[in-house]
């Protein structure tokens, strides 16, 4: 009786199994490699999209701040230039500005985005210029108070001495300075500028007024020079910022064309 073995031998079984395992492994590796490559490409594409959006946001912040600075200079630069040039002929500024509206709307709205500006020098200059602008406005407010105090005191004392009502708004001009110089000459000639020699009550009031007026005008002179120095620094920084923004605009045009 012949017995037929329907089961493969061990060698046959191994011979058939190995190709199957290798095929499965190679197929799995190819599938993994393909999936991994697709994942990497998708990740890179996402990073590129994020980087592009961040760059667009950065450019938008820079350009909007540049426009705000240009607008401020278009409005105020001519007037302030004339004002500070007058210091060559006058001891202190004879006018003042009241700033009632917030001029830094764009900067404040984007203050939390300043850190995304990749150009270190540009970012630092933007922060500096708004710091100086804030200081400039605060100094203007201080000057406004000091200037008004001087005008009111001059109006009160000179009006009392002359028996005339003086307009406080015009009491820092050349005519008022001439009146004060005449009073100073009067005291100097009559009493040799010696307070202890002054006998008349009105003359004593004039003397004290002149002393205080001199101190206050010295203070206004110091504040005027300080304002001028701050403004010159603002002009310098604005020039640097606008130059960088022009280069940025040119790069953007080159990239898109």
C-alpha atoms as a PDB file:
ATOM      1  CA  UNK A   1       0.000   0.000   0.000  1.00  0.00           C
ATOM      2  CA  UNK A   2       1.431   3.351  -1.068  1.00  0.00           C
ATOM      3  CA  UNK A   3       1.100   6.312   1.405  1.00  0.00           C
ATOM      4  CA  UNK A   4       1.003   9.774  -0.208  1.00  0.00           C
ATOM      5  CA  UNK A   5       2.310  12.669   1.998  1.00  0.00           C
ATOM      6  CA  UNK A   6       0.067  15.673   1.349  1.00  0.00           C
ATOM      7  CA  UNK A   7       2.017  17.923   3.740  1.00  0.00           C
ATOM      8  CA  UNK A   8       5.056  19.755   2.421  1.00  0.00           C
ATOM      9  CA  UNK A   9       8.380  18.941   3.805  1.00  0.00           C
ATOM     10  CA  UNK A  10      10.104  21.313   6.215  1.00  0.00           C
ATOM     11  CA  UNK A  11      12.490  22.551   3.542  1.00  0.00           C
ATOM     12  CA  UNK A  12       9.670  23.230   1.132  1.00  0.00           C
ATOM     13  CA  UNK A  13       7.707  25.056   3.833  1.00  0.00           C
ATOM     14  CA  UNK A  14      10.631  27.312   4.676  1.00  0.00           C
ATOM     15  CA  UNK A  15      11.339  27.929   1.007  1.00  0.00           C
ATOM     16  CA  UNK A  16       7.806  29.156   0.440  1.00  0.00           C
ATOM     17  CA  UNK A  17       7.586  31.151   3.687  1.00  0.00           C
ATOM     18  CA  UNK A  18      10.735  33.254   3.313  1.00  0.00           C
ATOM     19  CA  UNK A  19       9.721  34.971   0.044  1.00  0.00           C
ATOM     20  CA  UNK A  20       6.324  35.687   1.504  1.00  0.00           C
ATOM     21  CA  UNK A  21       7.848  37.299   4.629  1.00  0.00           C
ATOM     22  CA  UNK A  22      10.396  39.259   2.597  1.00  0.00           C
ATOM     23  CA  UNK A  23       7.660  40.481   0.275  1.00  0.00           C
ATOM     24  CA  UNK A  24       5.561  41.609   3.201  1.00  0.00           C
ATOM     25  CA  UNK A  25       8.525  43.359   4.838  1.00  0.00           C
ATOM     26  CA  UNK A  26       9.627  45.093   1.639  1.00  0.00           C
ATOM     27  CA  UNK A  27       6.076  46.106   0.860  1.00  0.00           C
ATOM     28  CA  UNK A  28       5.646  47.471   4.365  1.00  0.00           C
ATOM     29  CA  UNK A  29       8.911  49.413   4.127  1.00  0.00           C
ATOM     30  CA  UNK A  30       7.881  50.953   0.828  1.00  0.00           C
ATOM     31  CA  UNK A  31       4.486  51.830   2.239  1.00  0.00           C
ATOM     32  CA  UNK A  32       6.116  53.346   5.345  1.00  0.00           C
ATOM     33  CA  UNK A  33       8.622  55.292   3.277  1.00  0.00           C
ATOM     34  CA  UNK A  34       5.878  56.614   1.019  1.00  0.00           C
ATOM     35  CA  UNK A  35       3.675  57.581   3.936  1.00  0.00           C
ATOM     36  CA  UNK A  36       6.606  59.163   5.797  1.00  0.00           C
ATOM     37  CA  UNK A  37       7.625  61.121   2.711  1.00  0.00           C
ATOM     38  CA  UNK A  38       4.079  62.347   2.229  1.00  0.00           C
ATOM     39  CA  UNK A  39       3.935  63.373   5.897  1.00  0.00           C
ATOM     40  CA  UNK A  40       7.233  65.228   5.621  1.00  0.00           C
ATOM     41  CA  UNK A  41       6.088  67.016   2.480  1.00  0.00           C
ATOM     42  CA  UNK A  42       2.780  67.975   4.082  1.00  0.00           C
ATOM     43  CA  UNK A  43       4.633  69.208   7.172  1.00  0.00           C
ATOM     44  CA  UNK A  44       7.025  71.239   5.025  1.00  0.00           C
ATOM     45  CA  UNK A  45       4.131  72.708   3.061  1.00  0.00           C
ATOM     46  CA  UNK A  46       2.407  73.679   6.322  1.00  0.00           C
ATOM     47  CA  UNK A  47       5.608  75.282   7.585  1.00  0.00           C
ATOM     48  CA  UNK A  48       5.988  77.177   4.301  1.00  0.00           C
ATOM     49  CA  UNK A  49       2.406  78.420   4.533  1.00  0.00           C
ATOM     50  CA  UNK A  50       2.894  79.498   8.164  1.00  0.00           C
ATOM     51  CA  UNK A  51       6.187  81.211   7.310  1.00  0.00           C
ATOM     52  CA  UNK A  52       4.570  83.006   4.375  1.00  0.00           C
ATOM     53  CA  UNK A  53       1.670  84.201   6.527  1.00  0.00           C
ATOM     54  CA  UNK A  54       4.058  85.353   9.267  1.00  0.00           C
ATOM     55  CA  UNK A  55       6.126  87.238   6.682  1.00  0.00           C
ATOM     56  CA  UNK A  56       3.004  88.853   5.267  1.00  0.00           C
ATOM     57  CA  UNK A  57       1.931  89.862   8.784  1.00  0.00           C
ATOM     58  CA  UNK A  58       5.420  91.213   9.532  1.00  0.00           C
ATOM     59  CA  UNK A  59       5.408  93.274   6.328  1.00  0.00           C
ATOM     60  CA  UNK A  60       1.903  94.573   7.049  1.00  0.00           C
ATOM     61  CA  UNK A  61       2.929  95.691  10.552  1.00  0.00           C
ATOM     62  CA  UNK A  62       6.062  97.436   9.267  1.00  0.00           C
ATOM     63  CA  UNK A  63       4.285  99.172   6.395  1.00  0.00           C
ATOM     64  CA  UNK A  64       1.343 100.342   8.539  1.00  0.00           C
ATOM     65  CA  UNK A  65       3.693 101.778  11.178  1.00  0.00           C
ATOM     66  CA  UNK A  66       5.669 103.467   8.415  1.00  0.00           C
ATOM     67  CA  UNK A  67       2.469 105.051   7.088  1.00  0.00           C
ATOM     68  CA  UNK A  68       1.531 106.305  10.559  1.00  0.00           C
ATOM     69  CA  UNK A  69       4.973 107.913  10.988  1.00  0.00           C
ATOM     70  CA  UNK A  70       4.775 109.484   7.519  1.00  0.00           C
ATOM     71  CA  UNK A  71       1.347 110.880   8.332  1.00  0.00           C
ATOM     72  CA  UNK A  72       2.573 112.398  11.599  1.00  0.00           C
ATOM     73  CA  UNK A  73       5.527 114.035   9.867  1.00  0.00           C
ATOM     74  CA  UNK A  74       3.337 115.324   7.022  1.00  0.00           C
ATOM     75  CA  UNK A  75       1.099 117.036   9.578  1.00  0.00           C
ATOM     76  CA  UNK A  76       3.577 118.367  12.129  1.00  0.00           C
ATOM     77  CA  UNK A  77       7.094 118.492  10.685  1.00  0.00           C
ATOM     78  CA  UNK A  78       6.826 121.827   8.869  1.00  0.00           C
ATOM     79  CA  UNK A  79       5.284 123.592  11.869  1.00  0.00           C
ATOM     80  CA  UNK A  80       7.763 122.176  14.366  1.00  0.00           C
ATOM     81  CA  UNK A  81      10.710 122.968  12.093  1.00  0.00           C
ATOM     82  CA  UNK A  82       9.653 126.638  11.954  1.00  0.00           C
ATOM     83  CA  UNK A  83       9.055 126.615  15.696  1.00  0.00           C
ATOM     84  CA  UNK A  84      12.473 125.225  16.590  1.00  0.00           C
ATOM     85  CA  UNK A  85      14.255 127.399  14.050  1.00  0.00           C
ATOM     86  CA  UNK A  86      12.872 130.402  15.954  1.00  0.00           C
ATOM     87  CA  UNK A  87      15.143 129.439  18.871  1.00  0.00           C
ATOM     88  CA  UNK A  88      18.009 130.986  16.923  1.00  0.00           C
ATOM     89  CA  UNK A  89      16.423 134.391  17.534  1.00  0.00           C
ATOM     90  CA  UNK A  90      14.404 133.806  20.705  1.00  0.00           C
ATOM     91  CA  UNK A  91      15.459 132.652  24.141  1.00  0.00           C
ATOM     92  CA  UNK A  92      12.591 130.172  24.423  1.00  0.00           C
ATOM     93  CA  UNK A  93       9.660 128.906  22.370  1.00  0.00           C
ATOM     94  CA  UNK A  94       6.907 131.498  22.303  1.00  0.00           C
ATOM     95  CA  UNK A  95       4.088 129.146  21.432  1.00  0.00           C
ATOM     96  CA  UNK A  96       2.925 125.703  22.449  1.00  0.00           C
ATOM     97  CA  UNK A  97       0.921 122.775  21.138  1.00  0.00           C
ATOM     98  CA  UNK A  98      -1.958 121.022  22.809  1.00  0.00           C
ATOM     99  CA  UNK A  99      -2.211 117.387  21.664  1.00  0.00           C
ATOM    100  CA  UNK A 100      -5.679 116.154  22.576  1.00  0.00           C
ATOM    101  CA  UNK A 101      -5.968 113.052  20.342  1.00  0.00           C
ATOM    102  CA  UNK A 102      -3.889 109.880  20.565  1.00  0.00           C
ATOM    103  CA  UNK A 103      -1.515 110.080  17.566  1.00  0.00           C
ATOM    104  CA  UNK A 104      -0.161 106.516  17.924  1.00  0.00           C
ATOM    105  CA  UNK A 105      -3.244 104.436  17.099  1.00  0.00           C
ATOM    106  CA  UNK A 106      -1.500 102.063  14.654  1.00  0.00           C
ATOM    107  CA  UNK A 107       1.531 101.457  16.874  1.00  0.00           C
ATOM    108  CA  UNK A 108      -0.574 100.684  19.947  1.00  0.00           C
ATOM    109  CA  UNK A 109      -2.799  98.335  17.932  1.00  0.00           C
ATOM    110  CA  UNK A 110       0.304  96.415  16.774  1.00  0.00           C
ATOM    111  CA  UNK A 111       2.464  96.692  19.898  1.00  0.00           C
ATOM    112  CA  UNK A 112       2.103  92.951  20.579  1.00  0.00           C
ATOM    113  CA  UNK A 113       3.385  92.181  17.064  1.00  0.00           C
ATOM    114  CA  UNK A 114       6.573  94.269  17.130  1.00  0.00           C
ATOM    115  CA  UNK A 115       8.517  91.184  18.209  1.00  0.00           C
ATOM    116  CA  UNK A 116       7.846  89.420  14.882  1.00  0.00           C
ATOM    117  CA  UNK A 117       9.929  92.013  12.997  1.00  0.00           C
ATOM    118  CA  UNK A 118      13.007  89.994  12.059  1.00  0.00           C
ATOM    119  CA  UNK A 119      15.269  92.966  11.275  1.00  0.00           C
ATOM    120  CA  UNK A 120      16.830  93.768  14.663  1.00  0.00           C
ATOM    121  CA  UNK A 121      17.888  97.306  13.744  1.00  0.00           C
ATOM    122  CA  UNK A 122      14.507  98.218  12.246  1.00  0.00           C
ATOM    123  CA  UNK A 123      12.631  96.748  15.219  1.00  0.00           C
ATOM    124  CA  UNK A 124      14.828  98.623  17.708  1.00  0.00           C
ATOM    125  CA  UNK A 125      14.491 101.899  15.780  1.00  0.00           C
ATOM    126  CA  UNK A 126      10.691 101.597  15.732  1.00  0.00           C
ATOM    127  CA  UNK A 127      10.627 101.043  19.485  1.00  0.00           C
ATOM    128  CA  UNK A 128      13.044 103.952  19.995  1.00  0.00           C
ATOM    129  CA  UNK A 129      11.150 106.433  17.843  1.00  0.00           C
ATOM    130  CA  UNK A 130       7.844 105.803  19.610  1.00  0.00           C
ATOM    131  CA  UNK A 131       9.619 106.079  22.970  1.00  0.00           C
ATOM    132  CA  UNK A 132      11.033 109.453  21.918  1.00  0.00           C
ATOM    133  CA  UNK A 133       7.663 110.538  20.505  1.00  0.00           C
ATOM    134  CA  UNK A 134       5.999 109.698  23.816  1.00  0.00           C
ATOM    135  CA  UNK A 135       8.676 111.636  25.694  1.00  0.00           C
ATOM    136  CA  UNK A 136       8.288 114.553  23.291  1.00  0.00           C
ATOM    137  CA  UNK A 137       4.535 114.778  23.941  1.00  0.00           C
ATOM    138  CA  UNK A 138       5.065 114.620  27.708  1.00  0.00           C
ATOM    139  CA  UNK A 139       7.663 117.407  27.461  1.00  0.00           C
ATOM    140  CA  UNK A 140       5.211 119.470  25.399  1.00  0.00           C
ATOM    141  CA  UNK A 141       2.622 119.130  28.162  1.00  0.00           C
ATOM    142  CA  UNK A 142       5.160 120.247  30.776  1.00  0.00           C
ATOM    143  CA  UNK A 143       6.188 123.163  28.564  1.00  0.00           C
ATOM    144  CA  UNK A 144       2.546 124.120  28.057  1.00  0.00           C
ATOM    145  CA  UNK A 145       2.083 124.411  31.837  1.00  0.00           C
ATOM    146  CA  UNK A 146       5.314 126.370  32.354  1.00  0.00           C
ATOM    147  CA  UNK A 147       4.612 128.730  29.453  1.00  0.00           C
ATOM    148  CA  UNK A 148       1.063 129.457  30.619  1.00  0.00           C
ATOM    149  CA  UNK A 149       2.280 130.114  34.161  1.00  0.00           C
ATOM    150  CA  UNK A 150       4.809 132.636  32.864  1.00  0.00           C
ATOM    151  CA  UNK A 151       2.208 134.384  30.697  1.00  0.00           C
ATOM    152  CA  UNK A 152      -0.311 134.603  33.546  1.00  0.00           C
ATOM    153  CA  UNK A 153       2.251 135.996  36.004  1.00  0.00           C
ATOM    154  CA  UNK A 154       3.425 138.558  33.478  1.00  0.00           C
ATOM    155  CA  UNK A 155      -0.161 139.559  32.740  1.00  0.00           C
ATOM    156  CA  UNK A 156      -0.937 139.977  36.423  1.00  0.00           C
ATOM    157  CA  UNK A 157       2.169 141.918  37.474  1.00  0.00           C
ATOM    158  CA  UNK A 158       2.590 144.058  34.366  1.00  0.00           C
ATOM    159  CA  UNK A 159      -1.116 144.832  34.339  1.00  0.00           C
ATOM    160  CA  UNK A 160      -0.955 145.934  37.971  1.00  0.00           C
ATOM    161  CA  UNK A 161       2.155 148.044  37.430  1.00  0.00           C
ATOM    162  CA  UNK A 162       0.765 149.740  34.335  1.00  0.00           C
ATOM    163  CA  UNK A 163      -2.842 149.812  35.459  1.00  0.00           C
ATOM    164  CA  UNK A 164      -3.737 148.003  32.248  1.00  0.00           C
ATOM    165  CA  UNK A 165      -5.255 144.615  31.478  1.00  0.00           C
ATOM    166  CA  UNK A 166      -2.663 142.600  29.557  1.00  0.00           C
ATOM    167  CA  UNK A 167      -3.586 139.757  27.244  1.00  0.00           C
ATOM    168  CA  UNK A 168      -1.854 136.660  28.636  1.00  0.00           C
ATOM    169  CA  UNK A 169      -1.630 135.122  25.159  1.00  0.00           C
ATOM    170  CA  UNK A 170       0.745 137.797  23.839  1.00  0.00           C
ATOM    171  CA  UNK A 171       2.941 138.286  26.862  1.00  0.00           C
ATOM    172  CA  UNK A 172       5.877 136.220  25.647  1.00  0.00           C
ATOM    173  CA  UNK A 173       6.468 138.221  22.484  1.00  0.00           C
ATOM    174  CA  UNK A 174       9.178 140.743  21.751  1.00  0.00           C
ATOM    175  CA  UNK A 175       7.153 143.743  22.981  1.00  0.00           C
ATOM    176  CA  UNK A 176       6.725 142.153  26.391  1.00  0.00           C
ATOM    177  CA  UNK A 177      10.433 141.321  26.510  1.00  0.00           C
ATOM    178  CA  UNK A 178      11.160 144.978  25.758  1.00  0.00           C
ATOM    179  CA  UNK A 179       8.871 146.092  28.599  1.00  0.00           C
ATOM    180  CA  UNK A 180      10.637 143.713  30.990  1.00  0.00           C
ATOM    181  CA  UNK A 181      14.048 144.969  29.882  1.00  0.00           C
ATOM    182  CA  UNK A 182      12.895 148.542  30.458  1.00  0.00           C
ATOM    183  CA  UNK A 183      11.768 147.588  33.979  1.00  0.00           C
ATOM    184  CA  UNK A 184      15.079 145.876  34.586  1.00  0.00           C
ATOM    185  CA  UNK A 185      16.967 148.972  33.437  1.00  0.00           C
ATOM    186  CA  UNK A 186      14.744 151.115  35.630  1.00  0.00           C
ATOM    187  CA  UNK A 187      15.576 149.092  38.764  1.00  0.00           C
ATOM    188  CA  UNK A 188      19.238 148.866  37.832  1.00  0.00           C
ATOM    189  CA  UNK A 189      19.609 152.627  37.351  1.00  0.00           C
ATOM    190  CA  UNK A 190      17.479 153.736  40.285  1.00  0.00           C
ATOM    191  CA  UNK A 191      18.768 151.303  42.912  1.00  0.00           C
ATOM    192  CA  UNK A 192      21.917 149.899  41.317  1.00  0.00           C
ATOM    193  CA  UNK A 193      20.139 146.542  41.338  1.00  0.00           C
ATOM    194  CA  UNK A 194      20.358 146.419  45.136  1.00  0.00           C
ATOM    195  CA  UNK A 195      17.221 144.946  46.680  1.00  0.00           C
ATOM    196  CA  UNK A 196      18.052 146.297  50.111  1.00  0.00           C
ATOM    197  CA  UNK A 197      18.107 149.842  48.714  1.00  0.00           C
ATOM    198  CA  UNK A 198      14.625 149.607  47.199  1.00  0.00           C
ATOM    199  CA  UNK A 199      12.248 151.849  49.124  1.00  0.00           C
ATOM    200  CA  UNK A 200       9.008 151.969  47.177  1.00  0.00           C
ATOM    201  CA  UNK A 201       6.554 149.082  47.376  1.00  0.00           C
ATOM    202  CA  UNK A 202       5.900 149.091  43.634  1.00  0.00           C
ATOM    203  CA  UNK A 203       9.601 149.030  42.868  1.00  0.00           C
ATOM    204  CA  UNK A 204      10.086 146.090  45.234  1.00  0.00           C
ATOM    205  CA  UNK A 205       7.296 144.236  43.483  1.00  0.00           C
ATOM    206  CA  UNK A 206       8.967 144.961  40.150  1.00  0.00           C
ATOM    207  CA  UNK A 207      12.298 143.687  41.441  1.00  0.00           C
ATOM    208  CA  UNK A 208      10.847 140.425  42.791  1.00  0.00           C
ATOM    209  CA  UNK A 209       8.894 139.956  39.590  1.00  0.00           C
ATOM    210  CA  UNK A 210      12.035 140.373  37.492  1.00  0.00           C
ATOM    211  CA  UNK A 211      13.947 137.867  39.596  1.00  0.00           C
ATOM    212  CA  UNK A 212      11.205 135.251  39.301  1.00  0.00           C
ATOM    213  CA  UNK A 213      10.651 136.002  35.632  1.00  0.00           C
ATOM    214  CA  UNK A 214      14.334 135.485  34.916  1.00  0.00           C
ATOM    215  CA  UNK A 215      14.336 132.092  36.655  1.00  0.00           C
ATOM    216  CA  UNK A 216      11.206 130.987  34.794  1.00  0.00           C
ATOM    217  CA  UNK A 217      12.511 132.087  31.388  1.00  0.00           C
ATOM    218  CA  UNK A 218      15.753 130.187  32.085  1.00  0.00           C
ATOM    219  CA  UNK A 219      13.643 127.112  32.784  1.00  0.00           C
ATOM    220  CA  UNK A 220      11.671 127.642  29.563  1.00  0.00           C
ATOM    221  CA  UNK A 221      14.928 127.972  27.647  1.00  0.00           C
ATOM    222  CA  UNK A 222      16.156 124.658  29.067  1.00  0.00           C
ATOM    223  CA  UNK A 223      12.849 122.953  28.197  1.00  0.00           C
ATOM    224  CA  UNK A 224      12.894 124.451  24.683  1.00  0.00           C
ATOM    225  CA  UNK A 225      16.386 123.114  23.981  1.00  0.00           C
ATOM    226  CA  UNK A 226      15.400 119.720  25.387  1.00  0.00           C
ATOM    227  CA  UNK A 227      12.351 119.581  23.109  1.00  0.00           C
ATOM    228  CA  UNK A 228      14.497 120.535  20.108  1.00  0.00           C
ATOM    229  CA  UNK A 229      17.057 117.805  20.901  1.00  0.00           C
ATOM    230  CA  UNK A 230      14.331 115.160  21.257  1.00  0.00           C
ATOM    231  CA  UNK A 231      12.743 116.254  17.985  1.00  0.00           C
ATOM    232  CA  UNK A 232      16.057 116.063  16.123  1.00  0.00           C
ATOM    233  CA  UNK A 233      16.505 112.496  17.395  1.00  0.00           C
ATOM    234  CA  UNK A 234      12.990 111.651  16.178  1.00  0.00           C
ATOM    235  CA  UNK A 235      13.818 113.025  12.714  1.00  0.00           C
ATOM    236  CA  UNK A 236      17.011 110.944  12.602  1.00  0.00           C
ATOM    237  CA  UNK A 237      15.211 107.725  13.575  1.00  0.00           C
ATOM    238  CA  UNK A 238      12.369 108.369  11.139  1.00  0.00           C
ATOM    239  CA  UNK A 239      14.882 108.737   8.315  1.00  0.00           C
ATOM    240  CA  UNK A 240      16.432 105.360   9.152  1.00  0.00           C
ATOM    241  CA  UNK A 241      13.035 103.664   9.437  1.00  0.00           C
ATOM    242  CA  UNK A 242      11.669 105.071   6.171  1.00  0.00           C
ATOM    243  CA  UNK A 243      14.860 104.004   4.361  1.00  0.00           C
ATOM    244  CA  UNK A 244      14.451 100.423   5.622  1.00  0.00           C
ATOM    245  CA  UNK A 245      10.767 100.425   4.652  1.00  0.00           C
ATOM    246  CA  UNK A 246      11.628 101.589   1.122  1.00  0.00           C
ATOM    247  CA  UNK A 247      14.084  98.686   0.794  1.00  0.00           C
ATOM    248  CA  UNK A 248      11.413  96.300   2.095  1.00  0.00           C
ATOM    249  CA  UNK A 249       8.899  97.592  -0.472  1.00  0.00           C
ATOM    250  CA  UNK A 250      11.442  97.117  -3.262  1.00  0.00           C
ATOM    251  CA  UNK A 251      12.139  93.521  -2.150  1.00  0.00           C
ATOM    252  CA  UNK A 252       8.406  92.796  -2.063  1.00  0.00           C
ATOM    253  CA  UNK A 253       7.959  94.145  -5.614  1.00  0.00           C
ATOM    254  CA  UNK A 254      10.909  92.088  -6.847  1.00  0.00           C
ATOM    255  CA  UNK A 255       9.507  88.926  -5.213  1.00  0.00           C
ATOM    256  CA  UNK A 256       6.008  89.337  -6.642  1.00  0.00           C
ATOM    257  CA  UNK A 257       7.126  90.294 -10.150  1.00  0.00           C
END
